[in-house]
Protein backbone atom coordinates (compact mmCIF):
# COMPACT_ATOMS: atom_id res chain seq x y z
CA UNK A 1 40.52 -21.34 66.88
CA UNK A 2 39.21 -18.40 68.81
CA UNK A 3 37.86 -16.72 65.72
CA UNK A 4 35.11 -17.60 63.06
CA UNK A 5 36.44 -17.31 59.57
CA UNK A 6 33.68 -15.35 57.36
CA UNK A 7 32.36 -13.66 60.41
CA UNK A 8 30.36 -11.22 58.19
CA UNK A 9 28.28 -14.30 57.26
CA UNK A 10 27.24 -14.27 61.18
CA UNK A 11 26.61 -10.82 61.60
CA UNK A 12 23.59 -11.88 63.98
CA UNK A 13 25.77 -13.88 66.31
CA UNK A 14 28.61 -13.99 68.67
CA UNK A 15 32.02 -12.77 66.77
CA UNK A 16 34.17 -15.51 68.58
CA UNK A 17 33.63 -18.62 70.27
CA UNK A 18 35.05 -19.41 74.18
CA UNK A 19 38.23 -21.30 74.52
CA UNK A 20 36.47 -24.22 76.61
CA UNK A 21 38.80 -27.54 75.74
CA UNK A 22 37.99 -29.33 72.49
CA UNK A 23 34.87 -29.00 70.60
CA UNK A 24 32.57 -28.73 73.74
CA UNK A 25 31.93 -24.73 73.28
CA UNK A 26 31.29 -25.46 69.56
CA UNK A 27 28.27 -27.92 70.11
CA UNK A 28 26.42 -25.26 72.24
CA UNK A 29 26.13 -22.86 69.02
CA UNK A 30 22.83 -23.46 67.34
CA UNK A 31 20.91 -20.98 65.08
CA UNK A 32 19.32 -17.90 66.56
CA UNK A 33 15.36 -18.02 67.10
CA UNK A 34 14.96 -14.98 65.54
CA UNK A 35 16.48 -16.52 61.96
CA UNK A 36 14.66 -19.70 62.15
CA UNK A 37 11.56 -17.37 62.73
CA UNK A 38 11.72 -15.84 59.71
CA UNK A 39 10.99 -19.18 57.63
CA UNK A 40 7.31 -18.82 59.16
CA UNK A 41 7.09 -15.42 57.34
CA UNK A 42 7.70 -16.75 53.81
CA UNK A 43 5.17 -18.20 51.38
CA UNK A 44 3.36 -21.60 52.03
CA UNK A 45 6.01 -23.93 50.49
CA UNK A 46 8.26 -22.61 52.93
CA UNK A 47 6.27 -23.87 56.10
CA UNK A 48 8.03 -27.08 56.43
CA UNK A 49 10.97 -25.61 57.77
CA UNK A 50 9.80 -26.44 61.61
CA UNK A 51 11.86 -28.73 63.98
CA UNK A 52 10.11 -31.94 63.07
CA UNK A 53 9.90 -31.38 59.27
CA UNK A 54 14.09 -31.18 59.53
CA UNK A 55 14.32 -33.88 61.39
CA UNK A 56 12.80 -36.20 59.59
CA UNK A 57 13.86 -35.39 56.06
CA UNK A 58 17.66 -34.86 56.92
CA UNK A 59 17.91 -38.05 58.12
CA UNK A 60 22.04 -38.88 58.13
CA UNK A 61 24.88 -36.89 56.69
CA UNK A 62 27.43 -38.18 54.34
CA UNK A 63 29.36 -40.19 57.30
CA UNK A 64 26.42 -42.21 57.88
CA UNK A 65 26.17 -40.20 61.35
CA UNK A 66 22.61 -40.78 62.56
CA UNK A 67 20.48 -37.24 63.06
CA UNK A 68 17.79 -36.81 65.30
CA UNK A 69 14.49 -37.65 64.00
CA UNK A 70 11.23 -36.89 65.23
CA UNK A 71 7.52 -37.86 64.89
CA UNK A 72 6.19 -39.87 61.84
CA UNK A 73 4.85 -37.92 59.12
CA UNK A 74 0.81 -37.24 59.01
CA UNK A 75 -1.83 -38.11 56.56
CA UNK A 76 -5.23 -38.31 56.37
CA UNK A 77 -7.69 -41.25 55.73
CA UNK A 78 -11.78 -40.97 55.60
CA UNK A 79 -10.92 -37.18 57.30
CA UNK A 80 -8.84 -38.35 60.30
CA UNK A 81 -5.56 -37.83 60.75
CA UNK A 82 -3.54 -40.48 61.56
CA UNK A 83 0.39 -41.42 61.79
CA UNK A 84 1.62 -44.09 59.29
CA UNK A 85 3.09 -47.01 60.49
CA UNK A 86 6.56 -47.04 59.77
CA UNK A 87 6.16 -45.09 57.07
CA UNK A 88 4.43 -47.66 55.55
CA UNK A 89 0.28 -46.14 55.03
CA UNK A 90 -1.70 -47.58 52.38
CA UNK A 91 -4.73 -45.62 51.47
CA UNK A 92 -7.78 -47.17 49.75
CA UNK A 93 -9.03 -45.71 46.31
CA UNK A 94 -11.94 -44.82 47.95
CA UNK A 95 -10.88 -42.73 50.86
CA UNK A 96 -10.38 -39.03 50.93
CA UNK A 97 -6.85 -38.60 48.85
CA UNK A 98 -5.16 -35.58 51.49
CA UNK A 99 -1.41 -36.93 51.68
CA UNK A 100 1.50 -35.42 51.67
CA UNK A 101 4.26 -34.89 48.63
CA UNK A 102 6.44 -37.55 50.29
CA UNK A 103 3.92 -40.15 50.65
CA UNK A 104 2.86 -39.53 47.33
CA UNK A 105 6.23 -40.02 45.91
CA UNK A 106 6.70 -43.07 48.06
CA UNK A 107 3.21 -44.44 47.06
CA UNK A 108 4.78 -43.77 42.84
CA UNK A 109 7.55 -46.57 44.24
CA UNK A 110 5.65 -48.64 45.97
CA UNK A 111 3.23 -49.18 43.17
CA UNK A 112 5.82 -49.55 40.40
CA UNK A 113 7.39 -52.37 42.62
CA UNK A 114 4.10 -54.29 42.94
CA UNK A 115 2.89 -53.87 39.14
CA UNK A 116 6.52 -54.92 37.59
CA UNK A 117 8.63 -57.42 39.06
CA UNK A 118 11.18 -55.91 37.39
CA UNK A 119 12.04 -52.79 39.15
CA UNK A 120 13.78 -52.10 42.23
CA UNK A 121 15.27 -49.12 44.16
CA UNK A 122 18.97 -48.58 44.81
CA UNK A 123 20.66 -45.72 46.88
CA UNK A 124 22.15 -44.58 49.82
CA UNK A 125 20.46 -45.42 52.74
CA UNK A 126 17.07 -45.92 50.95
CA UNK A 127 16.42 -49.26 52.91
CA UNK A 128 17.08 -49.80 56.46
CA UNK A 129 17.31 -46.04 57.18
CA UNK A 130 14.29 -45.31 54.76
CA UNK A 131 15.80 -42.89 52.72
CA UNK A 132 17.63 -39.43 53.87
CA UNK A 133 13.84 -37.63 53.08
CA UNK A 134 11.99 -40.75 54.36
CA UNK A 135 10.67 -41.19 51.07
CA UNK A 136 11.67 -45.10 51.11
CA UNK A 137 10.82 -45.83 54.59
CA UNK A 138 9.26 -49.35 55.17
CA UNK A 139 9.88 -50.33 51.38
CA UNK A 140 12.65 -52.94 52.88
CA UNK A 141 10.11 -54.43 55.33
CA UNK A 142 7.87 -55.20 52.33
CA UNK A 143 9.91 -55.90 49.53
CA UNK A 144 13.09 -57.14 50.71
CA UNK A 145 16.49 -56.53 49.75
CA UNK A 146 16.97 -57.88 46.67
CA UNK A 147 14.51 -55.08 45.33
CA UNK A 148 15.52 -52.45 47.98
CA UNK A 149 19.39 -52.17 47.78
CA UNK A 150 21.12 -49.90 50.09
CA UNK A 151 24.32 -48.40 47.85
CA UNK A 152 28.01 -47.52 49.18
CA UNK A 153 28.81 -44.10 49.59
CA UNK A 154 29.66 -43.78 45.48
CA UNK A 155 27.61 -42.59 43.04
CA UNK A 156 29.46 -43.19 40.36
CA UNK A 157 29.37 -46.77 41.04
CA UNK A 158 25.82 -47.02 41.71
CA UNK A 159 24.37 -44.89 39.19
CA UNK A 160 26.90 -47.30 37.32
CA UNK A 161 25.63 -50.20 38.27
CA UNK A 162 21.72 -48.63 37.35
CA UNK A 163 23.00 -48.14 33.68
CA UNK A 164 24.03 -52.13 33.56
CA UNK A 165 20.72 -53.22 35.25
CA UNK A 166 18.53 -51.43 32.70
CA UNK A 167 20.52 -52.28 29.85
CA UNK A 168 19.81 -55.80 30.66
CA UNK A 169 16.53 -55.22 30.86
CA UNK A 170 15.82 -54.56 34.73
CA UNK A 171 13.83 -51.09 35.38
CA UNK A 172 15.88 -49.55 38.46
CA UNK A 173 14.83 -46.41 39.99
CA UNK A 174 17.97 -44.85 41.42
CA UNK A 175 17.89 -42.34 44.42
CA UNK A 176 20.97 -39.58 44.46
CA UNK A 177 20.75 -38.09 48.28
CA UNK A 178 20.81 -34.26 47.06
CA UNK A 179 21.42 -32.70 43.27
CA UNK A 180 24.60 -31.62 44.45
CA UNK A 181 25.93 -35.41 44.90
CA UNK A 182 24.52 -36.26 41.31
CA UNK A 183 28.24 -34.33 40.01
CA UNK A 184 29.89 -37.58 41.03
CA UNK A 185 27.82 -39.70 38.91
CA UNK A 186 28.03 -36.94 35.75
CA UNK A 187 29.81 -39.00 33.65
CA UNK A 188 28.02 -42.18 33.78
CA UNK A 189 24.91 -40.15 33.16
CA UNK A 190 26.21 -37.70 30.13
CA UNK A 191 29.13 -40.18 28.72
CA UNK A 192 26.91 -43.61 29.23
CA UNK A 193 23.40 -43.46 29.81
CA UNK A 194 22.60 -41.21 27.29
CA UNK A 195 24.98 -41.87 24.81
CA UNK A 196 24.95 -45.98 24.85
CA UNK A 197 21.41 -45.94 22.70
CA UNK A 198 22.72 -43.81 19.93
CA UNK A 199 26.24 -45.36 20.01
CA UNK A 200 24.74 -48.81 19.48
CA UNK A 201 22.73 -47.56 16.78
CA UNK A 202 19.42 -48.50 18.77
CA UNK A 203 20.68 -52.02 19.86
CA UNK A 204 20.21 -50.83 23.52
CA UNK A 205 17.88 -48.73 25.58
CA UNK A 206 18.84 -47.65 29.13
CA UNK A 207 15.16 -47.31 30.91
CA UNK A 208 16.61 -46.09 34.05
CA UNK A 209 15.07 -43.56 36.29
CA UNK A 210 17.31 -41.22 38.92
CA UNK A 211 15.61 -38.98 41.71
CA UNK A 212 17.03 -36.91 43.22
CA UNK A 213 16.39 -33.59 45.52
CA UNK A 214 17.04 -30.35 44.84
CA UNK A 215 17.15 -26.53 45.50
CA UNK A 216 17.45 -24.58 49.07
CA UNK A 217 15.43 -23.74 52.01
CA UNK A 218 16.67 -26.13 54.57
CA UNK A 219 19.84 -24.60 55.99
CA UNK A 220 21.85 -27.62 54.67
CA UNK A 221 24.24 -24.91 53.02
CA UNK A 222 26.32 -24.93 49.92
CA UNK A 223 26.85 -28.85 49.15
CA UNK A 224 23.43 -29.74 49.92
CA UNK A 225 20.80 -26.92 48.56
CA UNK A 226 21.44 -26.20 44.81
CA UNK A 227 19.23 -26.51 42.08
CA UNK A 228 21.29 -27.91 38.92
CA UNK A 229 18.20 -29.51 37.03
CA UNK A 230 18.99 -26.57 34.02
CA UNK A 231 22.57 -28.28 33.66
CA UNK A 232 20.56 -31.53 32.42
CA UNK A 233 18.45 -30.30 30.77
CA UNK A 234 20.70 -29.00 28.30
CA UNK A 235 21.69 -32.97 27.41
CA UNK A 236 20.08 -34.65 24.64
CA UNK A 237 18.57 -37.38 25.58
CA UNK A 238 17.63 -37.06 28.98
CA UNK A 239 14.10 -36.31 29.98
CA UNK A 240 14.22 -34.00 33.09
CA UNK A 241 11.13 -33.41 34.84
CA UNK A 242 10.14 -31.68 38.22
CA UNK A 243 7.16 -32.26 39.75
CA UNK A 244 5.80 -29.73 42.14
CA UNK A 245 1.89 -30.80 42.79
CA UNK A 246 0.62 -33.65 44.39
CA UNK A 247 -0.60 -35.77 41.44
CA UNK A 248 2.55 -35.20 39.31
CA UNK A 249 4.86 -36.06 42.72
CA UNK A 250 2.30 -39.55 42.56
CA UNK A 251 2.09 -39.95 38.76
CA UNK A 252 5.28 -38.63 37.24
CA UNK A 253 7.72 -41.75 37.97
CA UNK A 254 5.22 -44.36 36.65
CA UNK A 255 4.82 -42.28 33.28
CA UNK A 256 8.84 -42.44 33.45
CA UNK A 257 9.15 -46.06 33.93
CA UNK A 258 7.50 -46.60 30.46
CA UNK A 259 10.27 -44.35 29.00
CA UNK A 260 12.92 -46.11 26.79
CA UNK A 261 15.59 -43.68 27.66
CA UNK A 262 16.95 -42.24 31.27
CA UNK A 263 15.08 -40.07 33.01
CA UNK A 264 15.68 -37.79 35.68
CA UNK A 265 13.23 -36.56 38.50
CA UNK A 266 14.17 -33.40 40.72
CA UNK A 267 12.03 -33.46 44.01
CA UNK A 268 12.10 -29.98 45.54
CA UNK A 269 13.25 -30.41 49.14
CA UNK A 270 10.33 -27.77 50.65
CA UNK A 271 7.73 -29.90 49.01
CA UNK A 272 7.95 -33.06 50.91
CA UNK A 273 5.89 -31.91 53.66
CA UNK A 274 3.50 -30.41 51.51
CA UNK A 275 -0.23 -31.55 52.14
CA UNK A 276 -2.52 -31.53 49.03
CA UNK A 277 -5.31 -33.65 47.75
CA UNK A 278 -4.87 -36.30 44.68
CA UNK A 279 -7.58 -35.43 42.19
CA UNK A 280 -10.08 -38.09 42.24
CA UNK A 281 -10.23 -40.48 39.04
CA UNK A 282 -6.52 -39.29 37.96
CA UNK A 283 -4.44 -42.48 37.12
CA UNK A 284 -1.76 -40.95 35.56
CA UNK A 285 -0.24 -37.78 34.50
CA UNK A 286 1.03 -36.39 30.87
CA UNK A 287 4.88 -35.52 31.08
CA UNK A 288 4.66 -33.68 27.53
CA UNK A 289 3.22 -30.60 28.43
CA UNK A 290 2.84 -27.63 30.93
CA UNK A 291 -0.12 -26.68 32.70
CA UNK A 292 -1.33 -23.36 33.64
CA UNK A 293 -2.17 -23.29 37.33
CA UNK A 294 -3.69 -20.11 37.75
CA UNK A 295 -5.12 -18.43 34.52
CA UNK A 296 -4.47 -14.51 33.88
CA UNK A 297 -4.76 -11.44 31.18
CA UNK A 298 -1.91 -9.16 32.26
CA UNK A 299 1.48 -11.01 32.80
CA UNK A 300 2.89 -14.21 32.44
CA UNK A 301 4.66 -16.09 35.43
CA UNK A 302 6.64 -18.66 34.35
CA UNK A 303 8.30 -21.35 36.86
CA UNK A 304 8.90 -25.30 37.94
CA UNK A 305 9.19 -27.20 40.62
CA UNK A 306 9.89 -25.42 43.85
CA UNK A 307 9.09 -22.33 42.67
CA UNK A 308 5.57 -22.80 41.98
CA UNK A 309 4.19 -22.11 44.80
CA UNK A 310 5.82 -19.00 45.91
CA UNK A 311 4.49 -17.91 42.36
CA UNK A 312 1.06 -18.57 43.05
CA UNK A 313 1.37 -16.42 46.52
CA UNK A 314 2.72 -14.18 44.28
CA UNK A 315 -0.25 -14.22 41.90
CA UNK A 316 -2.47 -13.68 44.96
CA UNK A 317 -0.88 -10.82 45.84
CA UNK A 318 -1.13 -9.24 42.58
CA UNK A 319 -4.81 -10.16 42.37
CA UNK A 320 -5.25 -8.07 45.52
CA UNK A 321 -4.12 -4.95 43.27
CA UNK A 322 -6.08 -5.67 40.20
CA UNK A 323 -3.14 -7.64 38.22
CA UNK A 324 -4.40 -10.82 37.01
CA UNK A 325 -1.27 -12.90 36.27
CA UNK A 326 -1.28 -16.22 35.16
CA UNK A 327 1.01 -19.05 36.25
CA UNK A 328 2.54 -21.27 33.85
CA UNK A 329 4.39 -24.58 35.64
CA UNK A 330 6.51 -25.89 33.02
CA UNK A 331 6.52 -29.85 35.00
CA UNK A 332 9.19 -30.66 32.14
CA UNK A 333 12.36 -28.81 31.29
CA UNK A 334 13.47 -31.46 28.78
CA UNK A 335 12.04 -31.41 26.37
CA UNK A 336 10.27 -27.59 27.01
CA UNK A 337 6.85 -27.09 26.12
CA UNK A 338 7.81 -24.03 23.90
CA UNK A 339 3.90 -23.99 22.63
CA UNK A 340 2.41 -23.18 26.32
CA UNK A 341 5.46 -20.91 26.74
CA UNK A 342 4.52 -18.91 23.70
CA UNK A 343 0.74 -19.17 24.13
CA UNK A 344 0.69 -17.90 27.18
CA UNK A 345 3.26 -14.97 26.51
CA UNK A 346 1.50 -14.02 23.34
CA UNK A 347 -1.80 -13.86 25.22
CA UNK A 348 -0.54 -11.89 28.04
CA UNK A 349 2.38 -9.72 26.33
CA UNK A 350 4.53 -9.68 29.34
CA UNK A 351 6.17 -12.42 31.38
CA UNK A 352 8.31 -12.78 34.35
CA UNK A 353 10.58 -16.07 34.78
CA UNK A 354 11.27 -17.70 38.05
CA UNK A 355 14.13 -20.21 38.44
CA UNK A 356 15.89 -20.70 41.85
CA UNK A 357 19.14 -21.65 40.15
CA UNK A 358 21.85 -19.19 39.01
CA UNK A 359 20.80 -16.70 36.30
CA UNK A 360 23.72 -16.86 34.50
CA UNK A 361 23.01 -19.85 31.58
CA UNK A 362 20.24 -20.94 33.04
CA UNK A 363 17.08 -22.84 31.88
CA UNK A 364 15.53 -18.97 32.48
CA UNK A 365 18.00 -17.71 29.48
CA UNK A 366 16.70 -20.51 27.46
CA UNK A 367 13.23 -20.13 28.49
CA UNK A 368 13.65 -16.39 27.68
CA UNK A 369 15.41 -16.78 24.48
CA UNK A 370 12.69 -19.15 22.92
CA UNK A 371 10.42 -15.96 23.61
CA UNK A 372 12.40 -13.75 21.64
CA UNK A 373 12.29 -16.23 18.86
CA UNK A 374 8.97 -16.98 18.60
CA UNK A 375 7.12 -14.17 20.14
CA UNK A 376 9.33 -11.03 20.39
CA UNK A 377 6.49 -8.53 18.64
CA UNK A 378 3.98 -9.78 21.03
CA UNK A 379 5.77 -8.21 23.83
CA UNK A 380 4.68 -5.30 25.44
CA UNK A 381 7.63 -4.95 27.47
CA UNK A 382 11.00 -6.62 28.43
CA UNK A 383 11.71 -9.75 29.90
CA UNK A 384 12.08 -10.03 33.32
CA UNK A 385 13.70 -12.97 35.65
CA UNK A 386 13.74 -13.62 39.29
CA UNK A 387 16.82 -15.81 39.96
CA UNK A 388 18.66 -17.36 42.73
CA UNK A 389 21.78 -15.11 43.74
CA UNK A 390 25.25 -16.02 42.13
CA UNK A 391 26.96 -17.50 45.16
CA UNK A 392 27.57 -20.75 46.62
CA UNK A 393 24.36 -21.38 49.22
CA UNK A 394 24.79 -19.64 52.68
CA UNK A 395 23.84 -21.60 55.60
CA UNK A 396 23.00 -18.61 57.75
CA UNK A 397 19.05 -18.27 57.37
CA UNK A 398 18.98 -14.50 56.51
CA UNK A 399 21.27 -15.08 54.05
CA UNK A 400 19.90 -17.97 52.41
CA UNK A 401 16.63 -15.76 52.19
CA UNK A 402 18.19 -13.27 50.55
CA UNK A 403 19.69 -15.71 47.77
CA UNK A 404 16.61 -17.54 46.89
CA UNK A 405 13.56 -16.16 44.83
CA UNK A 406 10.91 -14.68 47.28
CA UNK A 407 7.13 -13.53 46.44
CA UNK A 408 8.17 -10.02 47.09
CA UNK A 409 10.61 -10.08 44.57
CA UNK A 410 8.20 -11.75 42.05
CA UNK A 411 5.83 -9.24 42.99
CA UNK A 412 7.76 -6.44 42.18
CA UNK A 413 8.69 -7.73 39.06
CA UNK A 414 5.40 -8.43 37.57
CA UNK A 415 3.99 -5.10 38.84
CA UNK A 416 6.79 -3.10 37.23
CA UNK A 417 6.11 -4.87 34.05
CA UNK A 418 2.13 -3.94 34.09
CA UNK A 419 2.51 -0.31 35.79
CA UNK A 420 5.95 0.73 34.75
CA UNK A 421 6.69 3.86 37.03
């Protein structure tokens, strides 16, 4: 194989490989350092692209080959940083609650396991390995293999098992490694989990929670990087949650566990290393309504999940130009909080929708249509969308960045609405 296919995607690398025997020369090929530096120039939520984050979160590949792993996640207690013991950090309620998004997810899982004996976890590599993104690390040692179940490499099989357990009265929490792999369980989710309550005339409920990583930014290419949550938001009978903040990561899961119908939780991969502070006194969150993360009067920036912090960054940039943008975090994609969307747009009279998914047929299109139906005569300018490019996600850093919504594109879209040229 003297030449690489699709050489255009590697325009900053050598065009050919040496003819060294077997695959030893391939092992030497690595991303150009100049490309990896691009990540550090992006918005704050992308700061997790360093080597320690990549090593810890990527875990193993689908063939269970171990990848390099770095130091454990750092959290803080009493203003002092410490390394958790095998990922099993417990923060007292009185201590300063500065933690990572990853740790917030883990605390939610642990609380659910402690408080309800019907809860158990199931998924690929969640037990002995601690999860692809280290969220479940240490839980096997604490709760045992009856409640922390490593599943075989078959999403259809273990999601189906979760559906059966939920019908039998358990409260399973199933982890799918990445949203792309959820397609292997699509029939179980759409034709079983969703339809059984209806087809049984309400005799069976399916209180199943499925967690999965979503989104791009980690340089893991087209089979691990897409944003398909909008597909699931199309399906009646599902609840679709997209926690972006530390509080939502900590408490949305607990709210989902009391739902009688299946709930999907999409955790953006670029948020796991994000640090934040749990709001003191908060022990639950509302999963029915959107939240205004930044008030404004000139333009509404509507987004969710991994797009939130790029959007907040864009709003700060716009503020320096005298444009006050309101940032609305949808939080829940099904059911959509149409009232919050229409209220924000009616106030600002301009709107940009930010969605990492492909533009055509996306959740951004649904949001736009609801605005047209409910607030068309309130608008002073056409709707704008900043979405992911409609191609499979590239591996090369500069191409991946070009495919994802970025701060500058959001700023440009909002500026053009407020101050058209």
